[in-house]
N, C-alpha and C. Protein backbone atom coordinates (compact mmCIF):
# COMPACT_ATOMS: atom_id res chain seq x y z
N MET A 1 0.74 -1.19 0.00
CA MET A 1 -0.04 0.08 0.09
C MET A 1 0.87 1.39 0.01
N LYS A 2 2.01 1.20 0.67
CA LYS A 2 2.77 2.36 0.68
C LYS A 2 3.38 2.74 -0.55
N LYS A 3 3.87 1.71 -1.37
CA LYS A 3 4.24 1.85 -2.76
C LYS A 3 3.33 2.56 -3.75
N THR A 4 2.06 1.99 -3.36
CA THR A 4 0.90 2.58 -4.39
C THR A 4 0.57 3.95 -3.95
N ASN A 5 0.69 4.46 -2.65
CA ASN A 5 0.49 5.65 -2.27
C ASN A 5 1.61 6.66 -2.84
N TYR A 6 2.85 6.24 -2.84
CA TYR A 6 3.99 6.91 -3.36
C TYR A 6 3.77 7.18 -4.83
N LEU A 7 3.41 6.18 -5.67
CA LEU A 7 3.25 6.30 -6.97
C LEU A 7 2.16 7.16 -7.36
N VAL A 8 0.99 7.08 -6.63
CA VAL A 8 -0.33 7.99 -6.90
C VAL A 8 0.10 9.39 -6.73
N GLN A 9 0.86 9.68 -5.39
CA GLN A 9 1.24 11.11 -5.23
C GLN A 9 2.16 11.64 -6.31
N ALA A 10 3.18 10.81 -6.67
CA ALA A 10 4.02 11.24 -7.62
C ALA A 10 3.22 11.56 -9.10
N ALA A 11 2.36 10.63 -9.42
CA ALA A 11 1.57 10.78 -10.80
C ALA A 11 0.80 12.18 -10.58
N LEU A 12 0.04 12.27 -9.53
CA LEU A 12 -0.74 13.43 -9.20
C LEU A 12 0.05 14.78 -9.35
N ILE A 13 1.16 14.72 -8.73
CA ILE A 13 1.94 15.97 -8.67
C ILE A 13 2.29 16.25 -10.11
N GLY A 14 2.96 15.22 -10.92
CA GLY A 14 3.45 15.40 -12.11
C GLY A 14 2.23 15.82 -13.00
N ALA A 15 0.97 15.35 -12.94
CA ALA A 15 -0.15 15.74 -13.69
C ALA A 15 -0.33 17.22 -13.60
N ILE A 16 -0.41 17.56 -12.12
CA ILE A 16 -0.66 18.90 -11.90
C ILE A 16 0.32 20.02 -12.37
N TYR A 17 1.46 19.69 -12.11
CA TYR A 17 2.62 20.34 -12.70
C TYR A 17 2.43 20.73 -14.06
N ALA A 18 2.30 19.67 -14.92
CA ALA A 18 2.22 19.75 -16.38
C ALA A 18 0.92 20.42 -16.82
N ALA A 19 -0.18 20.24 -16.19
CA ALA A 19 -1.38 20.93 -16.55
C ALA A 19 -1.28 22.42 -16.27
N LEU A 20 -0.77 22.79 -15.11
CA LEU A 20 -0.55 24.25 -14.75
C LEU A 20 0.40 24.80 -15.69
N THR A 21 1.32 24.32 -16.09
CA THR A 21 2.45 24.84 -16.95
C THR A 21 1.75 25.17 -18.37
N ILE A 22 0.97 24.11 -18.89
CA ILE A 22 0.41 24.16 -20.11
C ILE A 22 -0.71 25.23 -20.18
N VAL A 23 -1.64 25.25 -19.21
CA VAL A 23 -2.63 26.23 -19.04
C VAL A 23 -2.10 27.50 -19.04
N PHE A 24 -1.20 27.72 -18.42
CA PHE A 24 -0.59 29.18 -18.25
C PHE A 24 0.74 29.29 -19.23
N ALA A 25 0.63 28.41 -20.53
CA ALA A 25 1.89 28.60 -21.42
C ALA A 25 2.29 29.97 -21.68
N PRO A 26 1.49 30.95 -21.99
CA PRO A 26 1.94 32.20 -22.24
C PRO A 26 3.10 32.71 -21.15
N ILE A 27 2.77 32.44 -20.06
CA ILE A 27 3.94 33.03 -19.18
C ILE A 27 4.77 31.74 -18.62
N SER A 28 4.79 30.56 -18.96
CA SER A 28 5.49 29.50 -18.65
C SER A 28 6.69 29.20 -19.40
N TYR A 29 6.84 29.90 -20.62
CA TYR A 29 7.93 29.76 -21.33
C TYR A 29 8.57 30.93 -21.86
N GLY A 30 9.96 30.86 -22.15
CA GLY A 30 10.68 31.96 -22.92
C GLY A 30 11.57 32.51 -21.66
N GLN A 31 12.24 33.61 -22.24
CA GLN A 31 13.24 34.50 -21.43
C GLN A 31 12.54 34.95 -20.04
N ILE A 32 11.50 35.72 -20.10
CA ILE A 32 10.69 36.18 -19.08
C ILE A 32 9.54 35.19 -18.85
N GLN A 33 9.69 34.36 -17.81
CA GLN A 33 8.68 33.46 -17.36
C GLN A 33 8.36 33.42 -15.90
N VAL A 34 7.07 33.16 -15.47
CA VAL A 34 6.75 32.83 -14.19
C VAL A 34 5.89 31.46 -14.32
N ARG A 35 6.55 30.40 -14.00
CA ARG A 35 5.65 29.27 -14.11
C ARG A 35 5.08 29.04 -12.89
N ILE A 36 3.69 29.14 -13.01
CA ILE A 36 2.96 29.00 -11.86
C ILE A 36 3.17 27.75 -11.10
N SER A 37 3.27 26.64 -12.05
CA SER A 37 3.54 25.25 -11.65
C SER A 37 4.72 25.09 -10.56
N GLU A 38 5.77 26.26 -10.68
CA GLU A 38 6.95 26.13 -9.95
C GLU A 38 6.51 26.21 -8.41
N ALA A 39 5.39 26.68 -8.06
CA ALA A 39 5.03 26.80 -6.68
C ALA A 39 4.87 25.36 -6.19
N LEU A 40 4.78 24.34 -6.91
CA LEU A 40 4.69 22.94 -6.48
C LEU A 40 6.01 22.48 -6.04
N THR A 41 7.11 23.21 -6.30
CA THR A 41 8.35 22.61 -5.88
C THR A 41 8.73 22.65 -4.47
N ILE A 42 7.65 23.10 -3.84
CA ILE A 42 7.78 22.99 -2.17
C ILE A 42 7.53 21.65 -1.77
N LEU A 43 6.65 20.91 -2.61
CA LEU A 43 6.19 19.69 -2.08
C LEU A 43 7.10 18.70 -1.77
N PRO A 44 8.31 18.50 -2.13
CA PRO A 44 9.38 17.68 -1.38
C PRO A 44 9.53 17.91 -0.01
N MET A 45 9.30 18.88 0.58
CA MET A 45 9.16 19.06 2.00
C MET A 45 8.14 18.12 2.74
N PHE A 46 7.15 17.71 1.98
CA PHE A 46 6.02 16.89 2.56
C PHE A 46 6.21 15.59 2.14
N THR A 47 6.60 15.24 0.91
CA THR A 47 6.71 13.81 0.35
C THR A 47 7.68 13.75 -0.59
N PRO A 48 8.59 12.75 -0.48
CA PRO A 48 9.58 12.42 -1.45
C PRO A 48 8.98 12.10 -2.75
N ALA A 49 7.85 11.61 -2.80
CA ALA A 49 7.10 11.41 -4.10
C ALA A 49 7.08 12.55 -4.88
N ALA A 50 7.18 13.88 -4.50
CA ALA A 50 7.25 14.96 -5.22
C ALA A 50 8.52 14.93 -6.16
N ILE A 51 9.58 14.38 -5.86
CA ILE A 51 10.82 14.47 -6.68
C ILE A 51 10.61 13.87 -7.93
N PRO A 52 10.25 12.67 -8.10
CA PRO A 52 9.93 12.16 -9.29
C PRO A 52 8.71 12.71 -10.02
N GLY A 53 7.79 13.13 -9.24
CA GLY A 53 6.61 13.73 -9.73
C GLY A 53 6.90 14.99 -10.54
N LEU A 54 7.63 15.94 -9.90
CA LEU A 54 8.02 17.28 -10.50
C LEU A 54 8.91 16.96 -11.71
N PHE A 55 9.67 15.93 -11.53
CA PHE A 55 10.43 15.48 -12.78
C PHE A 55 9.69 15.32 -14.18
N VAL A 56 8.72 14.24 -13.73
CA VAL A 56 7.78 13.65 -15.07
C VAL A 56 6.99 14.91 -15.41
N GLY A 57 6.60 15.71 -14.52
CA GLY A 57 5.70 16.94 -14.94
C GLY A 57 6.37 17.89 -15.77
N CYS A 58 7.53 18.28 -15.42
CA CYS A 58 8.38 18.95 -16.13
C CYS A 58 8.64 18.54 -17.61
N VAL A 59 9.03 17.07 -17.49
CA VAL A 59 9.37 16.40 -19.01
C VAL A 59 8.04 16.65 -19.78
N VAL A 60 6.83 16.43 -19.29
CA VAL A 60 5.77 16.64 -19.96
C VAL A 60 5.52 18.14 -20.64
N ALA A 61 5.57 19.03 -19.66
CA ALA A 61 5.51 20.46 -20.03
C ALA A 61 6.57 20.95 -20.98
N ASN A 62 7.75 20.41 -20.73
CA ASN A 62 8.78 20.73 -21.67
C ASN A 62 8.65 20.20 -23.07
N ILE A 63 8.06 19.08 -23.31
CA ILE A 63 7.59 18.56 -24.50
C ILE A 63 6.73 19.44 -25.35
N TYR A 64 5.69 19.85 -24.40
CA TYR A 64 4.72 20.75 -25.07
C TYR A 64 5.26 22.26 -25.29
N GLY A 65 6.31 22.50 -24.71
CA GLY A 65 6.93 23.86 -24.79
C GLY A 65 7.74 24.18 -26.02
N GLY A 66 8.09 23.31 -26.71
CA GLY A 66 8.58 23.37 -28.03
C GLY A 66 10.14 23.53 -28.10
N GLY A 67 10.73 23.59 -26.85
CA GLY A 67 12.17 23.92 -26.83
C GLY A 67 13.21 22.77 -27.44
N GLY A 68 12.61 21.75 -27.78
CA GLY A 68 13.28 20.64 -28.25
C GLY A 68 13.86 19.85 -27.06
N MET A 69 14.86 18.82 -27.49
CA MET A 69 15.36 17.88 -26.74
C MET A 69 16.32 18.54 -25.61
N ILE A 70 17.11 19.57 -25.81
CA ILE A 70 17.88 20.22 -25.20
C ILE A 70 17.04 20.74 -23.88
N ASP A 71 16.03 21.29 -24.20
CA ASP A 71 15.01 21.96 -23.05
C ASP A 71 14.43 20.67 -22.35
N ILE A 72 14.04 19.79 -23.04
CA ILE A 72 13.32 18.54 -22.40
C ILE A 72 14.24 17.78 -21.42
N VAL A 73 15.59 17.71 -21.75
CA VAL A 73 16.55 16.87 -20.89
C VAL A 73 16.96 17.75 -19.87
N PHE A 74 17.70 18.99 -20.25
CA PHE A 74 18.37 19.73 -19.23
C PHE A 74 17.43 20.55 -18.37
N GLY A 75 16.22 21.05 -19.01
CA GLY A 75 15.23 21.59 -18.25
C GLY A 75 14.67 20.79 -17.28
N SER A 76 14.40 19.53 -17.57
CA SER A 76 13.72 18.58 -16.67
C SER A 76 14.81 18.03 -15.59
N LEU A 77 16.13 17.95 -16.04
CA LEU A 77 16.96 17.46 -15.01
C LEU A 77 17.28 18.44 -14.08
N ALA A 78 17.16 19.81 -14.47
CA ALA A 78 17.29 21.09 -13.40
C ALA A 78 16.11 20.96 -12.38
N SER A 79 14.78 20.56 -12.88
CA SER A 79 13.81 20.44 -11.97
C SER A 79 14.17 19.24 -10.97
N LEU A 80 14.55 18.11 -11.57
CA LEU A 80 14.92 17.04 -10.66
C LEU A 80 15.93 17.33 -9.59
N LEU A 81 17.03 17.98 -10.00
CA LEU A 81 18.06 18.48 -8.94
C LEU A 81 17.34 19.39 -8.10
N ALA A 82 16.64 20.27 -8.43
CA ALA A 82 16.11 21.34 -7.64
C ALA A 82 15.13 20.65 -6.46
N ALA A 83 14.35 19.66 -6.88
CA ALA A 83 13.42 18.95 -6.07
C ALA A 83 14.10 18.15 -5.25
N PHE A 84 15.17 17.45 -5.40
CA PHE A 84 16.00 16.94 -4.47
C PHE A 84 16.62 17.80 -3.36
N LEU A 85 17.20 18.87 -3.99
CA LEU A 85 17.86 19.76 -2.95
C LEU A 85 16.77 20.38 -2.08
N SER A 86 15.57 20.62 -2.58
CA SER A 86 14.59 21.17 -1.74
C SER A 86 14.04 20.13 -0.50
N TYR A 87 14.17 19.02 -0.92
CA TYR A 87 13.82 17.70 -0.08
C TYR A 87 14.80 17.80 1.14
N LYS A 88 15.92 18.26 0.73
CA LYS A 88 17.13 18.17 1.77
C LYS A 88 17.14 19.34 2.58
N MET A 89 16.37 20.28 2.25
CA MET A 89 16.61 21.73 3.07
C MET A 89 16.09 21.55 4.41
N PRO A 90 17.07 22.10 5.50
CA PRO A 90 16.87 21.99 6.74
C PRO A 90 15.87 22.75 7.56
N ARG A 91 15.54 24.02 6.78
CA ARG A 91 14.59 24.88 7.23
C ARG A 91 13.48 25.33 6.22
N LYS A 92 12.25 25.56 6.57
CA LYS A 92 11.11 25.80 5.86
C LYS A 92 11.36 26.91 5.02
N TRP A 93 11.88 27.86 5.40
CA TRP A 93 12.21 29.22 4.46
C TRP A 93 12.99 28.86 3.27
N LEU A 94 13.93 27.85 3.57
CA LEU A 94 15.02 27.59 2.41
C LEU A 94 14.45 26.44 1.29
N VAL A 95 13.32 25.84 1.75
CA VAL A 95 12.70 24.93 0.71
C VAL A 95 12.56 25.50 -0.78
N PRO A 96 12.07 26.59 -0.88
CA PRO A 96 11.78 27.23 -2.24
C PRO A 96 13.18 27.57 -2.81
N MET A 97 14.24 27.74 -2.18
CA MET A 97 15.48 28.24 -2.71
C MET A 97 16.15 27.48 -3.77
N PRO A 98 16.31 25.99 -3.88
CA PRO A 98 16.84 25.41 -4.74
C PRO A 98 16.36 25.64 -6.15
N PRO A 99 15.06 25.66 -6.30
CA PRO A 99 14.43 25.83 -7.62
C PRO A 99 14.88 27.27 -8.21
N VAL A 100 14.87 28.18 -7.34
CA VAL A 100 15.30 29.47 -7.66
C VAL A 100 16.75 29.52 -8.39
N ILE A 101 17.68 29.05 -7.54
CA ILE A 101 19.03 29.07 -8.07
C ILE A 101 19.22 28.13 -9.18
N VAL A 102 18.85 26.85 -8.83
CA VAL A 102 19.26 26.00 -9.99
C VAL A 102 18.43 26.34 -11.54
N ASN A 103 17.22 26.57 -11.50
CA ASN A 103 16.67 26.88 -12.63
C ASN A 103 17.10 28.19 -13.28
N GLY A 104 17.54 29.12 -12.29
CA GLY A 104 17.98 30.56 -12.83
C GLY A 104 19.35 30.37 -13.54
N ILE A 105 20.10 29.33 -13.11
CA ILE A 105 21.39 29.15 -13.80
C ILE A 105 21.20 28.28 -15.04
N ILE A 106 20.50 26.88 -14.77
CA ILE A 106 20.57 26.00 -15.85
C ILE A 106 19.39 26.56 -16.98
N ILE A 107 18.33 26.92 -16.67
CA ILE A 107 17.42 27.45 -17.65
C ILE A 107 18.04 28.68 -18.37
N GLY A 108 18.55 29.52 -17.61
CA GLY A 108 19.32 30.64 -18.30
C GLY A 108 20.30 30.24 -19.41
N PHE A 109 21.04 29.28 -19.06
CA PHE A 109 22.03 28.54 -20.09
C PHE A 109 21.14 27.93 -21.21
N VAL A 110 20.25 27.15 -20.99
CA VAL A 110 19.42 26.49 -21.97
C VAL A 110 18.90 27.45 -22.80
N LEU A 111 18.23 28.73 -22.46
CA LEU A 111 17.56 29.58 -23.33
C LEU A 111 18.78 30.44 -23.91
N ASN A 112 19.94 30.66 -23.35
CA ASN A 112 20.94 31.44 -24.09
C ASN A 112 21.29 30.36 -25.29
N TYR A 113 21.56 29.03 -25.08
CA TYR A 113 22.05 28.21 -26.07
C TYR A 113 20.99 28.06 -27.15
N LEU A 114 19.80 27.97 -26.73
CA LEU A 114 18.66 27.71 -27.88
C LEU A 114 18.33 29.00 -28.64
N TYR A 115 18.23 30.07 -28.02
CA TYR A 115 17.59 31.40 -28.67
C TYR A 115 18.72 32.56 -28.65
N ASP A 116 19.97 32.10 -28.45
CA ASP A 116 20.93 33.04 -28.36
C ASP A 116 20.58 34.42 -27.55
N LEU A 117 20.08 34.21 -26.52
CA LEU A 117 19.70 35.32 -25.57
C LEU A 117 20.86 35.72 -24.75
N PRO A 118 20.90 37.03 -24.29
CA PRO A 118 22.08 37.40 -23.32
C PRO A 118 22.13 36.42 -22.16
N LEU A 119 23.22 35.96 -21.77
CA LEU A 119 23.27 34.81 -20.60
C LEU A 119 22.69 35.45 -19.27
N ILE A 120 23.59 36.59 -19.01
CA ILE A 120 23.32 36.98 -17.51
C ILE A 120 21.89 37.58 -17.46
N ILE A 121 21.54 38.39 -18.42
CA ILE A 121 20.26 38.95 -18.28
C ILE A 121 19.15 37.89 -18.32
N THR A 122 19.38 36.75 -19.15
CA THR A 122 18.18 35.61 -19.10
C THR A 122 18.31 34.88 -17.82
N MET A 123 19.37 34.73 -17.14
CA MET A 123 19.50 34.10 -16.04
C MET A 123 18.73 34.99 -14.83
N GLY A 124 18.96 36.36 -14.92
CA GLY A 124 18.24 37.35 -14.21
C GLY A 124 16.88 37.13 -14.32
N TRP A 125 16.24 37.19 -15.59
CA TRP A 125 14.76 37.11 -15.80
C TRP A 125 14.33 35.79 -15.12
N VAL A 126 15.00 34.63 -15.40
CA VAL A 126 14.26 33.28 -15.02
C VAL A 126 14.45 33.25 -13.64
N THR A 127 15.47 33.97 -12.79
CA THR A 127 15.64 33.82 -11.31
C THR A 127 14.44 34.63 -10.83
N LEU A 128 14.31 35.68 -11.42
CA LEU A 128 13.08 36.61 -11.10
C LEU A 128 11.84 36.03 -11.03
N GLY A 129 11.62 35.25 -12.25
CA GLY A 129 10.42 34.53 -12.41
C GLY A 129 10.13 33.40 -11.38
N GLN A 130 11.43 32.79 -10.92
CA GLN A 130 11.39 31.64 -10.02
C GLN A 130 11.08 32.18 -8.58
N LEU A 131 11.71 33.33 -8.36
CA LEU A 131 11.44 33.84 -7.01
C LEU A 131 9.90 34.33 -6.68
N ILE A 132 9.27 34.74 -7.95
CA ILE A 132 7.89 35.03 -7.84
C ILE A 132 7.06 33.76 -7.53
N ALA A 133 7.38 32.80 -8.51
CA ALA A 133 6.53 31.46 -8.34
C ALA A 133 6.95 30.61 -6.90
N CYS A 134 8.26 30.63 -6.65
CA CYS A 134 8.56 29.66 -5.42
C CYS A 134 8.28 30.50 -4.06
N TYR A 135 8.65 31.72 -4.06
CA TYR A 135 8.38 32.33 -2.80
C TYR A 135 6.97 32.99 -2.83
N GLY A 136 6.71 33.67 -3.78
CA GLY A 136 5.24 34.41 -3.86
C GLY A 136 4.14 33.57 -3.79
N LEU A 137 4.34 32.26 -4.38
CA LEU A 137 3.21 31.27 -4.39
C LEU A 137 3.46 30.18 -3.49
N GLY A 138 4.75 29.62 -3.67
CA GLY A 138 5.14 28.33 -2.97
C GLY A 138 5.19 28.42 -1.57
N TYR A 139 5.70 29.62 -1.12
CA TYR A 139 5.95 29.69 0.35
C TYR A 139 4.61 29.72 0.97
N PRO A 140 3.50 30.50 0.52
CA PRO A 140 2.23 30.58 1.16
C PRO A 140 1.57 29.12 1.10
N LEU A 141 2.03 28.39 0.05
CA LEU A 141 1.44 27.03 -0.14
C LEU A 141 1.97 26.24 0.96
N ILE A 142 3.20 26.30 1.38
CA ILE A 142 3.97 25.69 2.41
C ILE A 142 3.01 25.87 3.84
N VAL A 143 2.69 27.09 4.09
CA VAL A 143 2.12 27.43 5.36
C VAL A 143 0.71 26.70 5.31
N THR A 144 -0.02 26.80 4.07
CA THR A 144 -1.35 26.24 4.11
C THR A 144 -1.39 24.72 4.02
N LEU A 145 -0.27 24.15 3.62
CA LEU A 145 -0.15 22.56 3.53
C LEU A 145 0.21 22.16 4.90
N GLU A 146 0.97 22.88 5.48
CA GLU A 146 1.53 22.37 6.96
C GLU A 146 0.23 22.03 7.80
N LYS A 147 -0.85 22.67 7.59
CA LYS A 147 -2.16 22.63 8.52
C LYS A 147 -2.69 21.25 8.03
N TYR A 148 -2.44 20.86 6.90
CA TYR A 148 -3.29 19.73 6.51
C TYR A 148 -2.28 18.57 6.06
N LYS A 149 -1.07 18.71 6.38
CA LYS A 149 -0.20 17.50 5.79
C LYS A 149 -0.44 16.00 6.22
N ASP A 150 -0.99 15.97 7.49
CA ASP A 150 -1.23 14.65 8.01
C ASP A 150 -2.44 13.98 7.17
N LYS A 151 -3.30 14.72 6.78
CA LYS A 151 -4.42 14.28 5.85
C LYS A 151 -4.02 14.01 4.41
N ILE A 152 -3.28 14.94 3.96
CA ILE A 152 -2.96 14.86 2.70
C ILE A 152 -1.81 13.95 2.30
N PHE A 153 -0.75 14.05 2.95
CA PHE A 153 0.42 13.29 2.78
C PHE A 153 0.63 12.25 3.72
N LYS A 154 -0.14 11.18 3.54
CA LYS A 154 -0.13 9.95 4.44
C LYS A 154 0.88 8.99 4.07
């Protein structure tokens, strides 16, 4: 039963991540982006199932995004690394930080490579978008989910 619960949680998180990214596609892709779905990157604090869930959701979202294999592979691996690091964060306020830093750097490089955008400026825009999504939306989500974690993440 524990394996089934893990798989269901991972699948739901992946599906919600992909759906949010695609529904909000106009602001989910490109140099200036705020992926609303990145608020979910706080979920590894509550369940390790969020790590593969976020990765798979990002793969699906990046297939839809049209950036090709470079974005699918490196963008998704960035999410996997960020999710794992979020899982390891020792304090609640640090949980949203890995996606901000990891995606700011890696996605900045990916967009620079794919679209010949200025590297530092692109990293800055991606980082700003991540700050909005991860701290502006994700941190309040942490506070809310803490109240219900025993009911949601069994």
